[in-house]
Full PDB file with SEQRES, HELIX, SHEET, SSBOND, CRYST1, ORIGX, SCALE, CONECT and MASTER records, all heavy atoms in Angstrom:
SEQRES   1 A   36  ILE PRO LEU GLU HIS PHE PRO VAL GLU PRO ALA VAL ALA          
SEQRES   2 A   36  GLY ALA LEU ALA TRP SER ALA ALA ALA GLY LEU THR PRO          
SEQRES   3 A   36  ASP GLU GLU ALA ILE ARG GLN SER LEU THR                      
HELIX    1 AA1 LEU A    3  HIS A    5  5                                   3    
HELIX    2 AA2 VAL A    8  ALA A   21  1                                  14    
HELIX    3 AA3 GLU A   28  LEU A   35  1                                   8    
CRYST1    1.000    1.000    1.000  90.00  90.00  90.00 P 1           1          
ORIGX1      1.000000  0.000000  0.000000        0.00000                         
ORIGX2      0.000000  1.000000  0.000000        0.00000                         
ORIGX3      0.000000  0.000000  1.000000        0.00000                         
SCALE1      1.000000  0.000000  0.000000        0.00000                         
SCALE2      0.000000  1.000000  0.000000        0.00000                         
SCALE3      0.000000  0.000000  1.000000        0.00000                         
ATOM      1  N   ILE A   1     -59.236 -49.288  55.297  1.00  0.00           N  
ATOM      2  CA  ILE A   1     -58.488 -48.939  54.125  1.00  0.00           C  
ATOM      3  C   ILE A   1     -58.670 -50.029  53.061  1.00  0.00           C  
ATOM      4  O   ILE A   1     -58.511 -51.226  53.413  1.00  0.00           O  
ATOM      5  CB  ILE A   1     -56.985 -48.721  54.446  1.00  0.00           C  
ATOM      6  CG1 ILE A   1     -56.798 -47.532  55.415  1.00  0.00           C  
ATOM      7  CG2 ILE A   1     -56.129 -48.531  53.192  1.00  0.00           C  
ATOM      8  CD1 ILE A   1     -55.431 -47.414  55.975  1.00  0.00           C  
ATOM      9  N   PRO A   2     -59.084 -49.676  51.917  1.00  0.00           N  
ATOM     10  CA  PRO A   2     -59.406 -50.723  50.870  1.00  0.00           C  
ATOM     11  C   PRO A   2     -58.162 -51.409  50.393  1.00  0.00           C  
ATOM     12  O   PRO A   2     -57.348 -50.873  49.644  1.00  0.00           O  
ATOM     13  CB  PRO A   2     -60.103 -49.965  49.754  1.00  0.00           C  
ATOM     14  CG  PRO A   2     -59.676 -48.539  49.938  1.00  0.00           C  
ATOM     15  CD  PRO A   2     -59.350 -48.324  51.433  1.00  0.00           C  
ATOM     16  N   LEU A   3     -57.942 -52.669  50.858  1.00  0.00           N  
ATOM     17  CA  LEU A   3     -56.734 -53.417  50.525  1.00  0.00           C  
ATOM     18  C   LEU A   3     -56.640 -53.690  49.034  1.00  0.00           C  
ATOM     19  O   LEU A   3     -55.527 -53.837  48.490  1.00  0.00           O  
ATOM     20  CB  LEU A   3     -56.707 -54.770  51.250  1.00  0.00           C  
ATOM     21  CG  LEU A   3     -56.712 -54.636  52.826  1.00  0.00           C  
ATOM     22  CD1 LEU A   3     -56.586 -56.050  53.408  1.00  0.00           C  
ATOM     23  CD2 LEU A   3     -55.630 -53.716  53.309  1.00  0.00           C  
ATOM     24  N   GLU A   4     -57.749 -53.738  48.320  1.00  0.00           N  
ATOM     25  CA  GLU A   4     -57.714 -53.999  46.903  1.00  0.00           C  
ATOM     26  C   GLU A   4     -57.024 -52.860  46.126  1.00  0.00           C  
ATOM     27  O   GLU A   4     -56.557 -53.068  45.026  1.00  0.00           O  
ATOM     28  CB  GLU A   4     -59.107 -54.295  46.271  1.00  0.00           C  
ATOM     29  CG  GLU A   4     -60.005 -53.052  46.386  1.00  0.00           C  
ATOM     30  CD  GLU A   4     -60.779 -52.976  47.656  1.00  0.00           C  
ATOM     31  OE1 GLU A   4     -60.575 -53.676  48.632  1.00  0.00           O  
ATOM     32  OE2 GLU A   4     -61.710 -52.063  47.719  1.00  0.00           O  
ATOM     33  N   HIS A   5     -56.845 -51.676  46.742  1.00  0.00           N  
ATOM     34  CA  HIS A   5     -56.133 -50.580  46.134  1.00  0.00           C  
ATOM     35  C   HIS A   5     -54.584 -50.757  46.237  1.00  0.00           C  
ATOM     36  O   HIS A   5     -53.843 -50.070  45.602  1.00  0.00           O  
ATOM     37  CB  HIS A   5     -56.495 -49.295  46.726  1.00  0.00           C  
ATOM     38  CG  HIS A   5     -57.899 -48.816  46.466  1.00  0.00           C  
ATOM     39  ND1 HIS A   5     -58.371 -47.653  46.766  1.00  0.00           N  
ATOM     40  CD2 HIS A   5     -58.874 -49.491  45.794  1.00  0.00           C  
ATOM     41  CE1 HIS A   5     -59.640 -47.573  46.417  1.00  0.00           C  
ATOM     42  NE2 HIS A   5     -59.985 -48.614  45.827  1.00  0.00           N  
ATOM     43  N   PHE A   6     -54.159 -51.792  46.990  1.00  0.00           N  
ATOM     44  CA  PHE A   6     -52.773 -52.012  47.178  1.00  0.00           C  
ATOM     45  C   PHE A   6     -52.442 -53.554  46.978  1.00  0.00           C  
ATOM     46  O   PHE A   6     -52.124 -54.267  47.995  1.00  0.00           O  
ATOM     47  CB  PHE A   6     -52.392 -51.621  48.673  1.00  0.00           C  
ATOM     48  CG  PHE A   6     -52.659 -50.162  48.949  1.00  0.00           C  
ATOM     49  CD1 PHE A   6     -53.851 -49.777  49.478  1.00  0.00           C  
ATOM     50  CD2 PHE A   6     -51.720 -49.234  48.586  1.00  0.00           C  
ATOM     51  CE1 PHE A   6     -54.095 -48.470  49.738  1.00  0.00           C  
ATOM     52  CE2 PHE A   6     -51.956 -47.885  48.857  1.00  0.00           C  
ATOM     53  CZ  PHE A   6     -53.132 -47.502  49.416  1.00  0.00           C  
ATOM     54  N   PRO A   7     -52.600 -54.064  45.806  1.00  0.00           N  
ATOM     55  CA  PRO A   7     -52.343 -55.447  45.554  1.00  0.00           C  
ATOM     56  C   PRO A   7     -50.888 -55.824  45.804  1.00  0.00           C  
ATOM     57  O   PRO A   7     -49.952 -55.018  45.532  1.00  0.00           O  
ATOM     58  CB  PRO A   7     -52.690 -55.697  44.119  1.00  0.00           C  
ATOM     59  CG  PRO A   7     -52.651 -54.341  43.509  1.00  0.00           C  
ATOM     60  CD  PRO A   7     -52.953 -53.374  44.577  1.00  0.00           C  
ATOM     61  N   VAL A   8     -50.565 -56.954  46.388  1.00  0.00           N  
ATOM     62  CA  VAL A   8     -49.316 -57.378  46.837  1.00  0.00           C  
ATOM     63  C   VAL A   8     -48.382 -57.689  45.669  1.00  0.00           C  
ATOM     64  O   VAL A   8     -47.236 -57.231  45.611  1.00  0.00           O  
ATOM     65  CB  VAL A   8     -49.367 -58.511  47.823  1.00  0.00           C  
ATOM     66  CG1 VAL A   8     -47.964 -59.037  48.158  1.00  0.00           C  
ATOM     67  CG2 VAL A   8     -50.087 -58.119  49.067  1.00  0.00           C  
ATOM     68  N   GLU A   9     -48.801 -58.543  44.740  1.00  0.00           N  
ATOM     69  CA  GLU A   9     -47.875 -58.975  43.635  1.00  0.00           C  
ATOM     70  C   GLU A   9     -47.392 -57.803  42.767  1.00  0.00           C  
ATOM     71  O   GLU A   9     -46.166 -57.877  42.493  1.00  0.00           O  
ATOM     72  CB  GLU A   9     -48.556 -60.111  42.824  1.00  0.00           C  
ATOM     73  CG  GLU A   9     -48.720 -61.392  43.598  1.00  0.00           C  
ATOM     74  CD  GLU A   9     -47.448 -61.834  44.317  1.00  0.00           C  
ATOM     75  OE1 GLU A   9     -46.379 -61.891  43.705  1.00  0.00           O  
ATOM     76  OE2 GLU A   9     -47.563 -62.207  45.480  1.00  0.00           O  
ATOM     77  N   PRO A  10     -48.200 -56.914  42.371  1.00  0.00           N  
ATOM     78  CA  PRO A  10     -47.601 -55.756  41.604  1.00  0.00           C  
ATOM     79  C   PRO A  10     -46.617 -54.923  42.457  1.00  0.00           C  
ATOM     80  O   PRO A  10     -45.617 -54.444  41.895  1.00  0.00           O  
ATOM     81  CB  PRO A  10     -48.825 -54.927  41.219  1.00  0.00           C  
ATOM     82  CG  PRO A  10     -49.992 -55.859  41.226  1.00  0.00           C  
ATOM     83  CD  PRO A  10     -49.651 -56.840  42.314  1.00  0.00           C  
ATOM     84  N   ALA A  11     -46.849 -54.853  43.750  1.00  0.00           N  
ATOM     85  CA  ALA A  11     -45.957 -54.155  44.610  1.00  0.00           C  
ATOM     86  C   ALA A  11     -44.635 -54.900  44.781  1.00  0.00           C  
ATOM     87  O   ALA A  11     -43.554 -54.249  44.670  1.00  0.00           O  
ATOM     88  CB  ALA A  11     -46.574 -53.911  46.035  1.00  0.00           C  
ATOM     89  N   VAL A  12     -44.678 -56.223  44.838  1.00  0.00           N  
ATOM     90  CA  VAL A  12     -43.452 -56.986  44.927  1.00  0.00           C  
ATOM     91  C   VAL A  12     -42.660 -56.859  43.581  1.00  0.00           C  
ATOM     92  O   VAL A  12     -41.448 -56.567  43.552  1.00  0.00           O  
ATOM     93  CB  VAL A  12     -43.713 -58.470  45.242  1.00  0.00           C  
ATOM     94  CG1 VAL A  12     -42.455 -59.336  45.018  1.00  0.00           C  
ATOM     95  CG2 VAL A  12     -44.247 -58.686  46.603  1.00  0.00           C  
ATOM     96  N   ALA A  13     -43.317 -56.979  42.456  1.00  0.00           N  
ATOM     97  CA  ALA A  13     -42.697 -56.850  41.104  1.00  0.00           C  
ATOM     98  C   ALA A  13     -42.113 -55.451  41.023  1.00  0.00           C  
ATOM     99  O   ALA A  13     -40.938 -55.314  40.550  1.00  0.00           O  
ATOM    100  CB  ALA A  13     -43.675 -57.100  40.040  1.00  0.00           C  
ATOM    101  N   GLY A  14     -42.874 -54.407  41.428  1.00  0.00           N  
ATOM    102  CA  GLY A  14     -42.325 -53.093  41.373  1.00  0.00           C  
ATOM    103  C   GLY A  14     -41.122 -52.841  42.222  1.00  0.00           C  
ATOM    104  O   GLY A  14     -40.165 -52.162  41.799  1.00  0.00           O  
ATOM    105  N   ALA A  15     -41.130 -53.442  43.407  1.00  0.00           N  
ATOM    106  CA  ALA A  15     -40.022 -53.291  44.306  1.00  0.00           C  
ATOM    107  C   ALA A  15     -38.810 -53.949  43.775  1.00  0.00           C  
ATOM    108  O   ALA A  15     -37.686 -53.433  43.835  1.00  0.00           O  
ATOM    109  CB  ALA A  15     -40.348 -53.887  45.733  1.00  0.00           C  
ATOM    110  N   LEU A  16     -38.952 -55.123  43.188  1.00  0.00           N  
ATOM    111  CA  LEU A  16     -37.801 -55.827  42.581  1.00  0.00           C  
ATOM    112  C   LEU A  16     -37.285 -54.992  41.372  1.00  0.00           C  
ATOM    113  O   LEU A  16     -36.033 -54.867  41.299  1.00  0.00           O  
ATOM    114  CB  LEU A  16     -38.280 -57.245  42.047  1.00  0.00           C  
ATOM    115  CG  LEU A  16     -38.614 -58.208  43.208  1.00  0.00           C  
ATOM    116  CD1 LEU A  16     -39.241 -59.474  42.617  1.00  0.00           C  
ATOM    117  CD2 LEU A  16     -37.289 -58.574  43.960  1.00  0.00           C  
ATOM    118  N   ALA A  17     -38.158 -54.442  40.590  1.00  0.00           N  
ATOM    119  CA  ALA A  17     -37.665 -53.642  39.444  1.00  0.00           C  
ATOM    120  C   ALA A  17     -36.950 -52.372  39.964  1.00  0.00           C  
ATOM    121  O   ALA A  17     -35.991 -51.988  39.422  1.00  0.00           O  
ATOM    122  CB  ALA A  17     -38.833 -53.293  38.498  1.00  0.00           C  
ATOM    123  N   TRP A  18     -37.497 -51.728  40.964  1.00  0.00           N  
ATOM    124  CA  TRP A  18     -36.922 -50.548  41.599  1.00  0.00           C  
ATOM    125  C   TRP A  18     -35.519 -50.868  42.092  1.00  0.00           C  
ATOM    126  O   TRP A  18     -34.561 -50.156  41.789  1.00  0.00           O  
ATOM    127  CB  TRP A  18     -37.823 -50.057  42.727  1.00  0.00           C  
ATOM    128  CG  TRP A  18     -37.303 -48.826  43.400  1.00  0.00           C  
ATOM    129  CD1 TRP A  18     -37.666 -47.559  43.077  1.00  0.00           C  
ATOM    130  CD2 TRP A  18     -36.397 -48.722  44.498  1.00  0.00           C  
ATOM    131  NE1 TRP A  18     -37.045 -46.669  43.911  1.00  0.00           N  
ATOM    132  CE2 TRP A  18     -36.198 -47.373  44.767  1.00  0.00           C  
ATOM    133  CE3 TRP A  18     -35.670 -49.688  45.210  1.00  0.00           C  
ATOM    134  CZ2 TRP A  18     -35.375 -47.005  45.785  1.00  0.00           C  
ATOM    135  CZ3 TRP A  18     -34.835 -49.246  46.241  1.00  0.00           C  
ATOM    136  CH2 TRP A  18     -34.698 -47.855  46.459  1.00  0.00           C  
ATOM    137  N   SER A  19     -35.397 -51.944  42.839  1.00  0.00           N  
ATOM    138  CA  SER A  19     -34.071 -52.355  43.348  1.00  0.00           C  
ATOM    139  C   SER A  19     -33.074 -52.613  42.234  1.00  0.00           C  
ATOM    140  O   SER A  19     -31.939 -52.226  42.337  1.00  0.00           O  
ATOM    141  CB  SER A  19     -34.288 -53.582  44.255  1.00  0.00           C  
ATOM    142  OG  SER A  19     -33.079 -53.933  44.840  1.00  0.00           O  
ATOM    143  N   ALA A  20     -33.548 -53.351  41.278  1.00  0.00           N  
ATOM    144  CA  ALA A  20     -32.647 -53.641  40.144  1.00  0.00           C  
ATOM    145  C   ALA A  20     -32.176 -52.419  39.401  1.00  0.00           C  
ATOM    146  O   ALA A  20     -31.024 -52.249  39.047  1.00  0.00           O  
ATOM    147  CB  ALA A  20     -33.287 -54.613  39.146  1.00  0.00           C  
ATOM    148  N   ALA A  21     -33.119 -51.478  39.229  1.00  0.00           N  
ATOM    149  CA  ALA A  21     -32.788 -50.188  38.485  1.00  0.00           C  
ATOM    150  C   ALA A  21     -31.780 -49.385  39.303  1.00  0.00           C  
ATOM    151  O   ALA A  21     -30.981 -48.633  38.747  1.00  0.00           O  
ATOM    152  CB  ALA A  21     -34.003 -49.385  38.292  1.00  0.00           C  
ATOM    153  N   ALA A  22     -31.819 -49.555  40.560  1.00  0.00           N  
ATOM    154  CA  ALA A  22     -30.847 -48.864  41.540  1.00  0.00           C  
ATOM    155  C   ALA A  22     -29.565 -49.630  41.626  1.00  0.00           C  
ATOM    156  O   ALA A  22     -28.620 -49.136  42.366  1.00  0.00           O  
ATOM    157  CB  ALA A  22     -31.487 -48.649  42.893  1.00  0.00           C  
ATOM    158  N   GLY A  23     -29.412 -50.776  40.990  1.00  0.00           N  
ATOM    159  CA  GLY A  23     -28.184 -51.564  41.157  1.00  0.00           C  
ATOM    160  C   GLY A  23     -28.000 -52.291  42.460  1.00  0.00           C  
ATOM    161  O   GLY A  23     -26.888 -52.633  42.788  1.00  0.00           O  
ATOM    162  N   LEU A  24     -29.113 -52.564  43.108  1.00  0.00           N  
ATOM    163  CA  LEU A  24     -29.115 -53.243  44.384  1.00  0.00           C  
ATOM    164  C   LEU A  24     -29.409 -54.720  44.244  1.00  0.00           C  
ATOM    165  O   LEU A  24     -29.850 -55.168  43.150  1.00  0.00           O  
ATOM    166  CB  LEU A  24     -30.123 -52.588  45.290  1.00  0.00           C  
ATOM    167  CG  LEU A  24     -29.902 -51.082  45.587  1.00  0.00           C  
ATOM    168  CD1 LEU A  24     -31.023 -50.520  46.335  1.00  0.00           C  
ATOM    169  CD2 LEU A  24     -28.533 -50.845  46.287  1.00  0.00           C  
ATOM    170  N   THR A  25     -29.254 -55.454  45.259  1.00  0.00           N  
ATOM    171  CA  THR A  25     -29.608 -56.932  45.337  1.00  0.00           C  
ATOM    172  C   THR A  25     -30.758 -57.152  46.280  1.00  0.00           C  
ATOM    173  O   THR A  25     -30.487 -57.163  47.471  1.00  0.00           O  
ATOM    174  CB  THR A  25     -28.372 -57.807  45.721  1.00  0.00           C  
ATOM    175  OG1 THR A  25     -27.275 -57.443  44.878  1.00  0.00           O  
ATOM    176  CG2 THR A  25     -28.705 -59.250  45.659  1.00  0.00           C  
ATOM    177  N   PRO A  26     -31.954 -57.290  45.718  1.00  0.00           N  
ATOM    178  CA  PRO A  26     -33.093 -57.449  46.604  1.00  0.00           C  
ATOM    179  C   PRO A  26     -33.319 -58.906  47.070  1.00  0.00           C  
ATOM    180  O   PRO A  26     -32.805 -59.820  46.549  1.00  0.00           O  
ATOM    181  CB  PRO A  26     -34.188 -57.058  45.691  1.00  0.00           C  
ATOM    182  CG  PRO A  26     -33.871 -57.469  44.377  1.00  0.00           C  
ATOM    183  CD  PRO A  26     -32.350 -57.172  44.356  1.00  0.00           C  
ATOM    184  N   ASP A  27     -34.120 -59.075  48.131  1.00  0.00           N  
ATOM    185  CA  ASP A  27     -34.453 -60.362  48.603  1.00  0.00           C  
ATOM    186  C   ASP A  27     -36.033 -60.438  48.424  1.00  0.00           C  
ATOM    187  O   ASP A  27     -36.796 -59.858  49.139  1.00  0.00           O  
ATOM    188  CB  ASP A  27     -34.133 -60.425  50.104  1.00  0.00           C  
ATOM    189  CG  ASP A  27     -34.559 -61.786  50.737  1.00  0.00           C  
ATOM    190  OD1 ASP A  27     -35.526 -62.437  50.214  1.00  0.00           O  
ATOM    191  OD2 ASP A  27     -33.964 -62.188  51.727  1.00  0.00           O  
ATOM    192  N   GLU A  28     -36.423 -61.157  47.355  1.00  0.00           N  
ATOM    193  CA  GLU A  28     -37.868 -61.250  47.027  1.00  0.00           C  
ATOM    194  C   GLU A  28     -38.777 -61.695  48.104  1.00  0.00           C  
ATOM    195  O   GLU A  28     -39.796 -61.046  48.387  1.00  0.00           O  
ATOM    196  CB  GLU A  28     -38.050 -62.011  45.763  1.00  0.00           C  
ATOM    197  CG  GLU A  28     -39.506 -62.131  45.282  1.00  0.00           C  
ATOM    198  CD  GLU A  28     -39.718 -62.857  44.040  1.00  0.00           C  
ATOM    199  OE1 GLU A  28     -38.752 -63.232  43.327  1.00  0.00           O  
ATOM    200  OE2 GLU A  28     -40.875 -63.085  43.648  1.00  0.00           O  
ATOM    201  N   GLU A  29     -38.399 -62.725  48.769  1.00  0.00           N  
ATOM    202  CA  GLU A  29     -39.259 -63.220  49.868  1.00  0.00           C  
ATOM    203  C   GLU A  29     -39.307 -62.270  51.013  1.00  0.00           C  
ATOM    204  O   GLU A  29     -40.375 -62.094  51.572  1.00  0.00           O  
ATOM    205  CB  GLU A  29     -38.712 -64.582  50.344  1.00  0.00           C  
ATOM    206  CG  GLU A  29     -39.570 -65.321  51.348  1.00  0.00           C  
ATOM    207  CD  GLU A  29     -41.013 -65.484  50.870  1.00  0.00           C  
ATOM    208  OE1 GLU A  29     -41.222 -65.798  49.733  1.00  0.00           O  
ATOM    209  OE2 GLU A  29     -41.962 -65.326  51.666  1.00  0.00           O  
ATOM    210  N   ALA A  30     -38.239 -61.570  51.345  1.00  0.00           N  
ATOM    211  CA  ALA A  30     -38.276 -60.610  52.395  1.00  0.00           C  
ATOM    212  C   ALA A  30     -39.089 -59.376  52.044  1.00  0.00           C  
ATOM    213  O   ALA A  30     -39.793 -58.840  52.865  1.00  0.00           O  
ATOM    214  CB  ALA A  30     -36.842 -60.205  52.779  1.00  0.00           C  
ATOM    215  N   ILE A  31     -39.119 -59.016  50.740  1.00  0.00           N  
ATOM    216  CA  ILE A  31     -39.957 -57.968  50.284  1.00  0.00           C  
ATOM    217  C   ILE A  31     -41.369 -58.287  50.479  1.00  0.00           C  
ATOM    218  O   ILE A  31     -42.193 -57.540  51.016  1.00  0.00           O  
ATOM    219  CB  ILE A  31     -39.614 -57.591  48.822  1.00  0.00           C  
ATOM    220  CG1 ILE A  31     -38.267 -56.908  48.701  1.00  0.00           C  
ATOM    221  CG2 ILE A  31     -40.799 -56.693  48.230  1.00  0.00           C  
ATOM    222  CD1 ILE A  31     -37.809 -56.723  47.275  1.00  0.00           C  
ATOM    223  N   ARG A  32     -41.760 -59.531  50.015  1.00  0.00           N  
ATOM    224  CA  ARG A  32     -43.148 -60.042  50.122  1.00  0.00           C  
ATOM    225  C   ARG A  32     -43.571 -60.024  51.618  1.00  0.00           C  
ATOM    226  O   ARG A  32     -44.695 -59.684  51.982  1.00  0.00           O  
ATOM    227  CB  ARG A  32     -43.309 -61.422  49.507  1.00  0.00           C  
ATOM    228  CG  ARG A  32     -44.684 -61.988  49.501  1.00  0.00           C  
ATOM    229  CD  ARG A  32     -44.828 -63.217  48.693  1.00  0.00           C  
ATOM    230  NE  ARG A  32     -45.000 -62.898  47.246  1.00  0.00           N  
ATOM    231  CZ  ARG A  32     -43.992 -63.060  46.374  1.00  0.00           C  
ATOM    232  NH1 ARG A  32     -42.812 -63.444  46.697  1.00  0.00           N  
ATOM    233  NH2 ARG A  32     -44.221 -62.702  45.079  1.00  0.00           N  
ATOM    234  N   GLN A  33     -42.670 -60.533  52.442  1.00  0.00           N  
ATOM    235  CA  GLN A  33     -42.978 -60.644  53.872  1.00  0.00           C  
ATOM    236  C   GLN A  33     -43.232 -59.220  54.485  1.00  0.00           C  
ATOM    237  O   GLN A  33     -44.119 -59.069  55.250  1.00  0.00           O  
ATOM    238  CB  GLN A  33     -41.890 -61.372  54.633  1.00  0.00           C  
ATOM    239  CG  GLN A  33     -42.180 -61.650  56.070  1.00  0.00           C  
ATOM    240  CD  GLN A  33     -41.112 -62.453  56.750  1.00  0.00           C  
ATOM    241  OE1 GLN A  33     -40.020 -62.607  56.188  1.00  0.00           O  
ATOM    242  NE2 GLN A  33     -41.423 -63.008  57.870  1.00  0.00           N  
ATOM    243  N   SER A  34     -42.382 -58.305  54.050  1.00  0.00           N  
ATOM    244  CA  SER A  34     -42.620 -56.879  54.581  1.00  0.00           C  
ATOM    245  C   SER A  34     -43.928 -56.337  54.173  1.00  0.00           C  
ATOM    246  O   SER A  34     -44.567 -55.653  54.898  1.00  0.00           O  
ATOM    247  CB  SER A  34     -41.440 -55.971  54.043  1.00  0.00           C  
ATOM    248  OG  SER A  34     -40.249 -56.397  54.508  1.00  0.00           O  
ATOM    249  N   LEU A  35     -44.354 -56.646  52.955  1.00  0.00           N  
ATOM    250  CA  LEU A  35     -45.563 -56.107  52.337  1.00  0.00           C  
ATOM    251  C   LEU A  35     -46.799 -56.867  52.844  1.00  0.00           C  
ATOM    252  O   LEU A  35     -47.960 -56.386  52.625  1.00  0.00           O  
ATOM    253  CB  LEU A  35     -45.500 -56.068  50.857  1.00  0.00           C  
ATOM    254  CG  LEU A  35     -44.499 -55.112  50.243  1.00  0.00           C  
ATOM    255  CD1 LEU A  35     -44.345 -55.341  48.755  1.00  0.00           C  
ATOM    256  CD2 LEU A  35     -44.891 -53.697  50.628  1.00  0.00           C  
ATOM    257  N   THR A  36     -46.692 -58.040  53.473  1.00  0.00           N  
ATOM    258  CA  THR A  36     -47.784 -58.813  53.940  1.00  0.00           C  
ATOM    259  C   THR A  36     -47.803 -59.014  55.407  1.00  0.00           C  
ATOM    260  O   THR A  36     -48.802 -59.528  55.984  1.00  0.00           O  
ATOM    261  CB  THR A  36     -47.860 -60.194  53.246  1.00  0.00           C  
ATOM    262  OG1 THR A  36     -46.684 -60.889  53.451  1.00  0.00           O  
ATOM    263  CG2 THR A  36     -48.060 -59.996  51.728  1.00  0.00           C  
TER     264      THR A  36                                                      
MASTER        0    0    0    3    0    0    0    6  263    1    0    3          
END                                                                             
């Protein structure tokens, strides 16, 4: 599966924005760890 189609940093930024838009409190490091 081409990993370059799934860059980590944009996914982390998107996940943080998603969580904030939902009114949640994300854990950035844990998000990054889940995605890597």
